[in-house]
Amino acid sequence: MLHAADVLESALDWYLESGRPIPAPSKPKRGQRLMELPASLSAKVPLVNEMVAQKVRPAELARRLKITPQEVTRLIDVHHTTKIDSIAGALKALGKTMEIRVV
């Protein structure tokens, strides 16, 4: 578990760079331990998946948000902690709304 977070971040990074949607987590098998993602990283997954689904590149999202492409790069960077409001704003620019659920 010590390296699980790093491996998961690397996998997410690969999906981002390849332009492929990030798959939903599989259901854990009996006895398997789960790795929780930080909240901002969890929110980036649907953002990235929506960008892929709509074929919106970072430069186009930057234009819609009236920010620089570098800011969008940080927004979707798995190694950069992003304010949840910024992610919600980016989703809104894609025609989506963010809902937060407490379980």
PDB file of N, CA and C in Angstrom:
ATOM      1  N   MET A   1       0.826  -1.198   0.000  1.00  0.00           N
ATOM      2  CA  MET A   1       0.000   0.000   0.000  1.00  0.00           C
ATOM      3  C   MET A   1       0.867   1.258   0.000  1.00  0.00           C
ATOM      4  N   LEU A   2       2.112   1.099   0.447  1.00  0.00           N
ATOM      5  CA  LEU A   2       3.021   2.238   0.504  1.00  0.00           C
ATOM      6  C   LEU A   2       3.193   2.881  -0.876  1.00  0.00           C
ATOM      7  N   HIS A   3       3.278   2.078  -1.928  1.00  0.00           N
ATOM      8  CA  HIS A   3       3.508   2.590  -3.267  1.00  0.00           C
ATOM      9  C   HIS A   3       2.241   2.627  -4.126  1.00  0.00           C
ATOM     10  N   ALA A   4       1.130   2.180  -3.573  1.00  0.00           N
ATOM     11  CA  ALA A   4      -0.110   2.085  -4.355  1.00  0.00           C
ATOM     12  C   ALA A   4      -0.556   3.454  -4.870  1.00  0.00           C
ATOM     13  N   ALA A   5      -0.454   4.479  -4.046  1.00  0.00           N
ATOM     14  CA  ALA A   5      -0.875   5.820  -4.474  1.00  0.00           C
ATOM     15  C   ALA A   5      -0.032   6.305  -5.648  1.00  0.00           C
ATOM     16  N   ASP A   6       1.268   6.049  -5.595  1.00  0.00           N
ATOM     17  CA  ASP A   6       2.154   6.456  -6.696  1.00  0.00           C
ATOM     18  C   ASP A   6       1.816   5.708  -7.980  1.00  0.00           C
ATOM     19  N   VAL A   7       1.547   4.422  -7.863  1.00  0.00           N
ATOM     20  CA  VAL A   7       1.207   3.615  -9.033  1.00  0.00           C
ATOM     21  C   VAL A   7      -0.116   4.098  -9.627  1.00  0.00           C
ATOM     22  N   LEU A   8      -1.095   4.378  -8.771  1.00  0.00           N
ATOM     23  CA  LEU A   8      -2.391   4.852  -9.240  1.00  0.00           C
ATOM     24  C   LEU A   8      -2.248   6.204  -9.940  1.00  0.00           C
ATOM     25  N   GLU A   9      -1.478   7.112  -9.350  1.00  0.00           N
ATOM     26  CA  GLU A   9      -1.249   8.411  -9.980  1.00  0.00           C
ATOM     27  C   GLU A   9      -0.560   8.253 -11.328  1.00  0.00           C
ATOM     28  N   SER A  10       0.392   7.343 -11.411  1.00  0.00           N
ATOM     29  CA  SER A  10       1.086   7.107 -12.687  1.00  0.00           C
ATOM     30  C   SER A  10       0.120   6.575 -13.742  1.00  0.00           C
ATOM     31  N   ALA A  11      -0.773   5.682 -13.332  1.00  0.00           N
ATOM     32  CA  ALA A  11      -1.763   5.146 -14.270  1.00  0.00           C
ATOM     33  C   ALA A  11      -2.696   6.255 -14.753  1.00  0.00           C
ATOM     34  N   LEU A  12      -3.158   7.097 -13.830  1.00  0.00           N
ATOM     35  CA  LEU A  12      -4.025   8.210 -14.207  1.00  0.00           C
ATOM     36  C   LEU A  12      -3.295   9.165 -15.146  1.00  0.00           C
ATOM     37  N   ASP A  13      -2.046   9.398 -14.857  1.00  0.00           N
ATOM     38  CA  ASP A  13      -1.218  10.264 -15.707  1.00  0.00           C
ATOM     39  C   ASP A  13      -1.124   9.693 -17.122  1.00  0.00           C
ATOM     40  N   TRP A  14      -0.967   8.380 -17.223  1.00  0.00           N
ATOM     41  CA  TRP A  14      -0.883   7.738 -18.526  1.00  0.00           C
ATOM     42  C   TRP A  14      -2.173   7.953 -19.314  1.00  0.00           C
ATOM     43  N   TYR A  15      -3.327   7.789 -18.664  1.00  0.00           N
ATOM     44  CA  TYR A  15      -4.603   8.010 -19.342  1.00  0.00           C
ATOM     45  C   TYR A  15      -4.702   9.454 -19.836  1.00  0.00           C
ATOM     46  N   LEU A  16      -4.284  10.402 -18.999  1.00  0.00           N
ATOM     47  CA  LEU A  16      -4.320  11.808 -19.406  1.00  0.00           C
ATOM     48  C   LEU A  16      -3.469  12.045 -20.645  1.00  0.00           C
ATOM     49  N   GLU A  17      -2.256  11.542 -20.633  1.00  0.00           N
ATOM     50  CA  GLU A  17      -1.337  11.768 -21.745  1.00  0.00           C
ATOM     51  C   GLU A  17      -1.780  11.057 -23.019  1.00  0.00           C
ATOM     52  N   SER A  18      -2.451   9.922 -22.862  1.00  0.00           N
ATOM     53  CA  SER A  18      -2.864   9.157 -24.040  1.00  0.00           C
ATOM     54  C   SER A  18      -4.185   9.645 -24.621  1.00  0.00           C
ATOM     55  N   GLY A  19      -4.887  10.520 -23.884  1.00  0.00           N
ATOM     56  CA  GLY A  19      -6.163  11.030 -24.373  1.00  0.00           C
ATOM     57  C   GLY A  19      -7.281  10.006 -24.302  1.00  0.00           C
ATOM     58  N   ARG A  20      -7.116   9.016 -23.447  1.00  0.00           N
ATOM     59  CA  ARG A  20      -8.129   7.980 -23.279  1.00  0.00           C
ATOM     60  C   ARG A  20      -8.942   8.256 -22.016  1.00  0.00           C
ATOM     61  N   PRO A  21     -10.216   7.839 -21.995  1.00  0.00           N
ATOM     62  CA  PRO A  21     -11.011   8.033 -20.776  1.00  0.00           C
ATOM     63  C   PRO A  21     -10.472   7.175 -19.633  1.00  0.00           C
ATOM     64  N   ILE A  22     -10.603   7.686 -18.438  1.00  0.00           N
ATOM     65  CA  ILE A  22     -10.151   6.968 -17.248  1.00  0.00           C
ATOM     66  C   ILE A  22     -11.278   6.031 -16.826  1.00  0.00           C
ATOM     67  N   PRO A  23     -10.995   4.725 -16.733  1.00  0.00           N
ATOM     68  CA  PRO A  23     -12.067   3.786 -16.380  1.00  0.00           C
ATOM     69  C   PRO A  23     -12.509   3.941 -14.930  1.00  0.00           C
ATOM     70  N   ALA A  24     -13.756   3.560 -14.689  1.00  0.00           N
ATOM     71  CA  ALA A  24     -14.287   3.556 -13.320  1.00  0.00           C
ATOM     72  C   ALA A  24     -13.564   2.470 -12.526  1.00  0.00           C
ATOM     73  N   PRO A  25     -13.443   2.672 -11.225  1.00  0.00           N
ATOM     74  CA  PRO A  25     -12.771   1.636 -10.430  1.00  0.00           C
ATOM     75  C   PRO A  25     -13.591   0.348 -10.423  1.00  0.00           C
ATOM     76  N   SER A  26     -12.894  -0.759 -10.371  1.00  0.00           N
ATOM     77  CA  SER A  26     -13.584  -2.046 -10.293  1.00  0.00           C
ATOM     78  C   SER A  26     -14.037  -2.266  -8.850  1.00  0.00           C
ATOM     79  N   LYS A  27     -15.022  -3.140  -8.688  1.00  0.00           N
ATOM     80  CA  LYS A  27     -15.496  -3.459  -7.344  1.00  0.00           C
ATOM     81  C   LYS A  27     -14.426  -4.287  -6.653  1.00  0.00           C
ATOM     82  N   PRO A  28     -14.179  -3.987  -5.380  1.00  0.00           N
ATOM     83  CA  PRO A  28     -13.135  -4.744  -4.673  1.00  0.00           C
ATOM     84  C   PRO A  28     -13.575  -6.186  -4.414  1.00  0.00           C
ATOM     85  N   LYS A  29     -12.618  -7.062  -4.484  1.00  0.00           N
ATOM     86  CA  LYS A  29     -12.863  -8.464  -4.142  1.00  0.00           C
ATOM     87  C   LYS A  29     -12.731  -8.611  -2.632  1.00  0.00           C
ATOM     88  N   ARG A  30     -13.303  -9.678  -2.120  1.00  0.00           N
ATOM     89  CA  ARG A  30     -13.261  -9.906  -0.675  1.00  0.00           C
ATOM     90  C   ARG A  30     -11.821  -9.865  -0.166  1.00  0.00           C
ATOM     91  N   GLY A  31     -11.613  -9.070   0.860  1.00  0.00           N
ATOM     92  CA  GLY A  31     -10.291  -8.958   1.462  1.00  0.00           C
ATOM     93  C   GLY A  31      -9.374  -7.937   0.810  1.00  0.00           C
ATOM     94  N   GLN A  32      -9.771  -7.404  -0.318  1.00  0.00           N
ATOM     95  CA  GLN A  32      -8.938  -6.406  -0.983  1.00  0.00           C
ATOM     96  C   GLN A  32      -9.034  -5.077  -0.257  1.00  0.00           C
ATOM     97  N   ARG A  33      -7.920  -4.388  -0.174  1.00  0.00           N
ATOM     98  CA  ARG A  33      -7.910  -3.063   0.433  1.00  0.00           C
ATOM     99  C   ARG A  33      -8.099  -2.034  -0.669  1.00  0.00           C
ATOM    100  N   LEU A  34      -8.769  -0.954  -0.321  1.00  0.00           N
ATOM    101  CA  LEU A  34      -9.038   0.112  -1.288  1.00  0.00           C
ATOM    102  C   LEU A  34      -8.048   1.251  -1.130  1.00  0.00           C
ATOM    103  N   MET A  35      -7.771   1.903  -2.235  1.00  0.00           N
ATOM    104  CA  MET A  35      -6.929   3.093  -2.219  1.00  0.00           C
ATOM    105  C   MET A  35      -7.839   4.278  -2.499  1.00  0.00           C
ATOM    106  N   GLU A  36      -7.911   5.205  -1.564  1.00  0.00           N
ATOM    107  CA  GLU A  36      -8.732   6.403  -1.755  1.00  0.00           C
ATOM    108  C   GLU A  36      -7.929   7.472  -2.468  1.00  0.00           C
ATOM    109  N   LEU A  37      -8.594   8.152  -3.395  1.00  0.00           N
ATOM    110  CA  LEU A  37      -7.972   9.285  -4.059  1.00  0.00           C
ATOM    111  C   LEU A  37      -8.289  10.550  -3.279  1.00  0.00           C
ATOM    112  N   PRO A  38      -7.400  11.536  -3.302  1.00  0.00           N
ATOM    113  CA  PRO A  38      -7.748  12.835  -2.728  1.00  0.00           C
ATOM    114  C   PRO A  38      -8.964  13.406  -3.465  1.00  0.00           C
ATOM    115  N   ALA A  39      -9.748  14.227  -2.779  1.00  0.00           N
ATOM    116  CA  ALA A  39     -10.992  14.756  -3.356  1.00  0.00           C
ATOM    117  C   ALA A  39     -10.756  15.489  -4.675  1.00  0.00           C
ATOM    118  N   SER A  40      -9.724  16.325  -4.738  1.00  0.00           N
ATOM    119  CA  SER A  40      -9.506  17.077  -5.981  1.00  0.00           C
ATOM    120  C   SER A  40      -9.130  16.145  -7.130  1.00  0.00           C
ATOM    121  N   LEU A  41      -8.388  15.091  -6.842  1.00  0.00           N
ATOM    122  CA  LEU A  41      -8.027  14.142  -7.891  1.00  0.00           C
ATOM    123  C   LEU A  41      -9.260  13.346  -8.330  1.00  0.00           C
ATOM    124  N   SER A  42     -10.106  12.973  -7.381  1.00  0.00           N
ATOM    125  CA  SER A  42     -11.359  12.275  -7.724  1.00  0.00           C
ATOM    126  C   SER A  42     -12.231  13.131  -8.630  1.00  0.00           C
ATOM    127  N   ALA A  43     -12.239  14.430  -8.412  1.00  0.00           N
ATOM    128  CA  ALA A  43     -13.051  15.339  -9.225  1.00  0.00           C
ATOM    129  C   ALA A  43     -12.446  15.542 -10.614  1.00  0.00           C
ATOM    130  N   LYS A  44     -11.130  15.374 -10.732  1.00  0.00           N
ATOM    131  CA  LYS A  44     -10.484  15.544 -12.036  1.00  0.00           C
ATOM    132  C   LYS A  44     -10.843  14.413 -12.996  1.00  0.00           C
ATOM    133  N   VAL A  45     -11.138  13.231 -12.470  1.00  0.00           N
ATOM    134  CA  VAL A  45     -11.437  12.079 -13.327  1.00  0.00           C
ATOM    135  C   VAL A  45     -12.641  12.357 -14.231  1.00  0.00           C
ATOM    136  N   PRO A  46     -13.813  12.777 -13.685  1.00  0.00           N
ATOM    137  CA  PRO A  46     -14.924  13.062 -14.598  1.00  0.00           C
ATOM    138  C   PRO A  46     -14.642  14.254 -15.518  1.00  0.00           C
ATOM    139  N   LEU A  47     -13.845  15.205 -15.063  1.00  0.00           N
ATOM    140  CA  LEU A  47     -13.481  16.338 -15.921  1.00  0.00           C
ATOM    141  C   LEU A  47     -12.698  15.839 -17.134  1.00  0.00           C
ATOM    142  N   VAL A  48     -11.681  15.054 -16.885  1.00  0.00           N
ATOM    143  CA  VAL A  48     -10.866  14.520 -17.978  1.00  0.00           C
ATOM    144  C   VAL A  48     -11.717  13.634 -18.889  1.00  0.00           C
ATOM    145  N   ASN A  49     -12.557  12.797 -18.297  1.00  0.00           N
ATOM    146  CA  ASN A  49     -13.399  11.922 -19.116  1.00  0.00           C
ATOM    147  C   ASN A  49     -14.362  12.717 -19.980  1.00  0.00           C
ATOM    148  N   GLU A  50     -14.869  13.812 -19.461  1.00  0.00           N
ATOM    149  CA  GLU A  50     -15.774  14.656 -20.253  1.00  0.00           C
ATOM    150  C   GLU A  50     -15.019  15.352 -21.374  1.00  0.00           C
ATOM    151  N   MET A  51     -13.799  15.781 -21.094  1.00  0.00           N
ATOM    152  CA  MET A  51     -12.979  16.386 -22.144  1.00  0.00           C
ATOM    153  C   MET A  51     -12.729  15.384 -23.267  1.00  0.00           C
ATOM    154  N   VAL A  52     -12.436  14.139 -22.907  1.00  0.00           N
ATOM    155  CA  VAL A  52     -12.200  13.096 -23.902  1.00  0.00           C
ATOM    156  C   VAL A  52     -13.483  12.831 -24.687  1.00  0.00           C
ATOM    157  N   ALA A  53     -14.609  12.699 -23.978  1.00  0.00           N
ATOM    158  CA  ALA A  53     -15.888  12.382 -24.632  1.00  0.00           C
ATOM    159  C   ALA A  53     -16.293  13.477 -25.621  1.00  0.00           C
ATOM    160  N   GLN A  54     -16.046  14.739 -25.240  1.00  0.00           N
ATOM    161  CA  GLN A  54     -16.428  15.851 -26.105  1.00  0.00           C
ATOM    162  C   GLN A  54     -15.309  16.243 -27.080  1.00  0.00           C
ATOM    163  N   LYS A  55     -14.175  15.563 -26.973  1.00  0.00           N
ATOM    164  CA  LYS A  55     -12.996  15.875 -27.809  1.00  0.00           C
ATOM    165  C   LYS A  55     -12.573  17.333 -27.650  1.00  0.00           C
ATOM    166  N   VAL A  56     -12.592  17.788 -26.393  1.00  0.00           N
ATOM    167  CA  VAL A  56     -12.171  19.150 -26.065  1.00  0.00           C
ATOM    168  C   VAL A  56     -10.725  19.085 -25.576  1.00  0.00           C
ATOM    169  N   ARG A  57      -9.866  19.750 -26.294  1.00  0.00           N
ATOM    170  CA  ARG A  57      -8.455  19.795 -25.924  1.00  0.00           C
ATOM    171  C   ARG A  57      -8.242  20.885 -24.872  1.00  0.00           C
ATOM    172  N   PRO A  58      -7.137  20.796 -24.123  1.00  0.00           N
ATOM    173  CA  PRO A  58      -6.879  21.811 -23.093  1.00  0.00           C
ATOM    174  C   PRO A  58      -6.925  23.243 -23.615  1.00  0.00           C
ATOM    175  N   ALA A  59      -6.421  23.492 -24.823  1.00  0.00           N
ATOM    176  CA  ALA A  59      -6.438  24.856 -25.367  1.00  0.00           C
ATOM    177  C   ALA A  59      -7.865  25.355 -25.556  1.00  0.00           C
ATOM    178  N   GLU A  60      -8.762  24.475 -25.979  1.00  0.00           N
ATOM    179  CA  GLU A  60     -10.165  24.868 -26.153  1.00  0.00           C
ATOM    180  C   GLU A  60     -10.827  25.123 -24.805  1.00  0.00           C
ATOM    181  N   LEU A  61     -10.538  24.286 -23.817  1.00  0.00           N
ATOM    182  CA  LEU A  61     -11.104  24.516 -22.488  1.00  0.00           C
ATOM    183  C   LEU A  61     -10.582  25.831 -21.916  1.00  0.00           C
ATOM    184  N   ALA A  62      -9.313  26.128 -22.143  1.00  0.00           N
ATOM    185  CA  ALA A  62      -8.738  27.393 -21.688  1.00  0.00           C
ATOM    186  C   ALA A  62      -9.473  28.574 -22.312  1.00  0.00           C
ATOM    187  N   ARG A  63      -9.766  28.468 -23.609  1.00  0.00           N
ATOM    188  CA  ARG A  63     -10.500  29.546 -24.295  1.00  0.00           C
ATOM    189  C   ARG A  63     -11.881  29.732 -23.665  1.00  0.00           C
ATOM    190  N   ARG A  64     -12.570  28.623 -23.392  1.00  0.00           N
ATOM    191  CA  ARG A  64     -13.907  28.706 -22.790  1.00  0.00           C
ATOM    192  C   ARG A  64     -13.880  29.301 -21.383  1.00  0.00           C
ATOM    193  N   LEU A  65     -12.820  28.990 -20.638  1.00  0.00           N
ATOM    194  CA  LEU A  65     -12.700  29.475 -19.258  1.00  0.00           C
ATOM    195  C   LEU A  65     -12.032  30.850 -19.173  1.00  0.00           C
ATOM    196  N   LYS A  66     -11.517  31.316 -20.303  1.00  0.00           N
ATOM    197  CA  LYS A  66     -10.782  32.590 -20.363  1.00  0.00           C
ATOM    198  C   LYS A  66      -9.565  32.573 -19.424  1.00  0.00           C
ATOM    199  N   ILE A  67      -8.835  31.458 -19.508  1.00  0.00           N
ATOM    200  CA  ILE A  67      -7.589  31.308 -18.759  1.00  0.00           C
ATOM    201  C   ILE A  67      -6.528  30.815 -19.738  1.00  0.00           C
ATOM    202  N   THR A  68      -5.302  30.720 -19.287  1.00  0.00           N
ATOM    203  CA  THR A  68      -4.222  30.264 -20.157  1.00  0.00           C
ATOM    204  C   THR A  68      -4.232  28.738 -20.279  1.00  0.00           C
ATOM    205  N   PRO A  69      -3.711  28.217 -21.379  1.00  0.00           N
ATOM    206  CA  PRO A  69      -3.602  26.760 -21.511  1.00  0.00           C
ATOM    207  C   PRO A  69      -2.770  26.124 -20.389  1.00  0.00           C
ATOM    208  N   GLN A  70      -1.785  26.860 -19.882  1.00  0.00           N
ATOM    209  CA  GLN A  70      -0.969  26.349 -18.785  1.00  0.00           C
ATOM    210  C   GLN A  70      -1.815  26.136 -17.527  1.00  0.00           C
ATOM    211  N   GLU A  71      -2.792  27.011 -17.311  1.00  0.00           N
ATOM    212  CA  GLU A  71      -3.671  26.853 -16.155  1.00  0.00           C
ATOM    213  C   GLU A  71      -4.540  25.607 -16.300  1.00  0.00           C
ATOM    214  N   VAL A  72      -4.974  25.316 -17.520  1.00  0.00           N
ATOM    215  CA  VAL A  72      -5.753  24.086 -17.751  1.00  0.00           C
ATOM    216  C   VAL A  72      -4.857  22.874 -17.551  1.00  0.00           C
ATOM    217  N   THR A  73      -3.622  22.963 -17.986  1.00  0.00           N
ATOM    218  CA  THR A  73      -2.686  21.849 -17.782  1.00  0.00           C
ATOM    219  C   THR A  73      -2.547  21.545 -16.295  1.00  0.00           C
ATOM    220  N   ARG A  74      -2.431  22.580 -15.473  1.00  0.00           N
ATOM    221  CA  ARG A  74      -2.356  22.368 -14.024  1.00  0.00           C
ATOM    222  C   ARG A  74      -3.685  21.845 -13.486  1.00  0.00           C
ATOM    223  N   LEU A  75      -4.782  22.322 -14.053  1.00  0.00           N
ATOM    224  CA  LEU A  75      -6.116  21.912 -13.616  1.00  0.00           C
ATOM    225  C   LEU A  75      -6.311  20.406 -13.752  1.00  0.00           C
ATOM    226  N   ILE A  76      -5.781  19.813 -14.813  1.00  0.00           N
ATOM    227  CA  ILE A  76      -5.960  18.376 -15.027  1.00  0.00           C
ATOM    228  C   ILE A  76      -4.736  17.546 -14.635  1.00  0.00           C
ATOM    229  N   ASP A  77      -3.704  18.191 -14.107  1.00  0.00           N
ATOM    230  CA  ASP A  77      -2.487  17.494 -13.683  1.00  0.00           C
ATOM    231  C   ASP A  77      -2.777  16.702 -12.406  1.00  0.00           C
ATOM    232  N   VAL A  78      -2.506  15.385 -12.437  1.00  0.00           N
ATOM    233  CA  VAL A  78      -2.792  14.543 -11.274  1.00  0.00           C
ATOM    234  C   VAL A  78      -1.856  14.827 -10.099  1.00  0.00           C
ATOM    235  N   HIS A  79      -0.744  15.481 -10.355  1.00  0.00           N
ATOM    236  CA  HIS A  79       0.214  15.784  -9.288  1.00  0.00           C
ATOM    237  C   HIS A  79       0.005  17.180  -8.698  1.00  0.00           C
ATOM    238  N   HIS A  80      -0.966  17.908  -9.191  1.00  0.00           N
ATOM    239  CA  HIS A  80      -1.229  19.271  -8.742  1.00  0.00           C
ATOM    240  C   HIS A  80      -2.584  19.311  -8.041  1.00  0.00           C
ATOM    241  N   THR A  81      -2.589  19.747  -6.792  1.00  0.00           N
ATOM    242  CA  THR A  81      -3.841  19.883  -6.061  1.00  0.00           C
ATOM    243  C   THR A  81      -4.585  21.101  -6.585  1.00  0.00           C
ATOM    244  N   THR A  82      -5.839  20.899  -6.955  1.00  0.00           N
ATOM    245  CA  THR A  82      -6.651  21.950  -7.559  1.00  0.00           C
ATOM    246  C   THR A  82      -7.863  22.217  -6.688  1.00  0.00           C
ATOM    247  N   LYS A  83      -8.236  23.487  -6.567  1.00  0.00           N
ATOM    248  CA  LYS A  83      -9.441  23.823  -5.813  1.00  0.00           C
ATOM    249  C   LYS A  83     -10.655  23.213  -6.506  1.00  0.00           C
ATOM    250  N   ILE A  84     -11.536  22.655  -5.713  1.00  0.00           N
ATOM    251  CA  ILE A  84     -12.715  21.984  -6.240  1.00  0.00           C
ATOM    252  C   ILE A  84     -13.590  22.944  -7.052  1.00  0.00           C
ATOM    253  N   ASP A  85     -13.623  24.219  -6.663  1.00  0.00           N
ATOM    254  CA  ASP A  85     -14.406  25.208  -7.407  1.00  0.00           C
ATOM    255  C   ASP A  85     -13.874  25.390  -8.829  1.00  0.00           C
ATOM    256  N   SER A  86     -12.568  25.291  -9.000  1.00  0.00           N
ATOM    257  CA  SER A  86     -11.981  25.409 -10.338  1.00  0.00           C
ATOM    258  C   SER A  86     -12.389  24.237 -11.211  1.00  0.00           C
ATOM    259  N   ILE A  87     -12.414  23.049 -10.621  1.00  0.00           N
ATOM    260  CA  ILE A  87     -12.830  21.859 -11.365  1.00  0.00           C
ATOM    261  C   ILE A  87     -14.307  21.962 -11.725  1.00  0.00           C
ATOM    262  N   ALA A  88     -15.118  22.420 -10.779  1.00  0.00           N
ATOM    263  CA  ALA A  88     -16.552  22.603 -11.038  1.00  0.00           C
ATOM    264  C   ALA A  88     -16.766  23.612 -12.159  1.00  0.00           C
ATOM    265  N   GLY A  89     -15.988  24.675 -12.185  1.00  0.00           N
ATOM    266  CA  GLY A  89     -16.087  25.677 -13.244  1.00  0.00           C
ATOM    267  C   GLY A  89     -15.721  25.108 -14.597  1.00  0.00           C
ATOM    268  N   ALA A  90     -14.702  24.264 -14.629  1.00  0.00           N
ATOM    269  CA  ALA A  90     -14.300  23.637 -15.889  1.00  0.00           C
ATOM    270  C   ALA A  90     -15.384  22.683 -16.382  1.00  0.00           C
ATOM    271  N   LEU A  91     -15.991  21.946 -15.471  1.00  0.00           N
ATOM    272  CA  LEU A  91     -17.089  21.058 -15.860  1.00  0.00           C
ATOM    273  C   LEU A  91     -18.270  21.865 -16.398  1.00  0.00           C
ATOM    274  N   LYS A  92     -18.535  23.000 -15.770  1.00  0.00           N
ATOM    275  CA  LYS A  92     -19.631  23.861 -16.236  1.00  0.00           C
ATOM    276  C   LYS A  92     -19.353  24.353 -17.656  1.00  0.00           C
ATOM    277  N   ALA A  93     -18.101  24.665 -17.946  1.00  0.00           N
ATOM    278  CA  ALA A  93     -17.728  25.106 -19.294  1.00  0.00           C
ATOM    279  C   ALA A  93     -17.939  23.997 -20.323  1.00  0.00           C
ATOM    280  N   LEU A  94     -18.022  22.757 -19.833  1.00  0.00           N
ATOM    281  CA  LEU A  94     -18.286  21.611 -20.704  1.00  0.00           C
ATOM    282  C   LEU A  94     -19.763  21.229 -20.696  1.00  0.00           C
ATOM    283  N   GLY A  95     -20.582  22.044 -20.013  1.00  0.00           N
ATOM    284  CA  GLY A  95     -22.019  21.780 -19.982  1.00  0.00           C
ATOM    285  C   GLY A  95     -22.446  20.788 -18.920  1.00  0.00           C
ATOM    286  N   LYS A  96     -21.600  20.565 -17.935  1.00  0.00           N
ATOM    287  CA  LYS A  96     -21.893  19.610 -16.861  1.00  0.00           C
ATOM    288  C   LYS A  96     -21.899  20.324 -15.521  1.00  0.00           C
ATOM    289  N   THR A  97     -22.535  19.718 -14.528  1.00  0.00           N
ATOM    290  CA  THR A  97     -22.507  20.255 -13.180  1.00  0.00           C
ATOM    291  C   THR A  97     -21.913  19.199 -12.256  1.00  0.00           C
ATOM    292  N   MET A  98     -21.273  19.669 -11.222  1.00  0.00           N
ATOM    293  CA  MET A  98     -20.675  18.757 -10.244  1.00  0.00           C
ATOM    294  C   MET A  98     -21.612  18.603  -9.062  1.00  0.00           C
ATOM    295  N   GLU A  99     -21.806  17.383  -8.636  1.00  0.00           N
ATOM    296  CA  GLU A  99     -22.560  17.106  -7.422  1.00  0.00           C
ATOM    297  C   GLU A  99     -21.636  16.377  -6.464  1.00  0.00           C
ATOM    298  N   ILE A 100     -21.670  16.770  -5.211  1.00  0.00           N
ATOM    299  CA  ILE A 100     -20.831  16.123  -4.194  1.00  0.00           C
ATOM    300  C   ILE A 100     -21.747  15.321  -3.283  1.00  0.00           C
ATOM    301  N   ARG A 101     -21.337  14.093  -3.035  1.00  0.00           N
ATOM    302  CA  ARG A 101     -22.126  13.193  -2.211  1.00  0.00           C
ATOM    303  C   ARG A 101     -21.297  12.718  -1.030  1.00  0.00           C
ATOM    304  N   VAL A 102     -21.893  12.713   0.149  1.00  0.00           N
ATOM    305  CA  VAL A 102     -21.228  12.210   1.337  1.00  0.00           C
ATOM    306  C   VAL A 102     -21.853  10.857   1.672  1.00  0.00           C
ATOM    307  N   VAL A 103     -21.024   9.861   1.824  1.00  0.00           N
ATOM    308  CA  VAL A 103     -21.521   8.503   2.095  1.00  0.00           C
ATOM    309  C   VAL A 103     -21.083   8.073   3.461  1.00  0.00           C
TER     310      VAL A 103
END
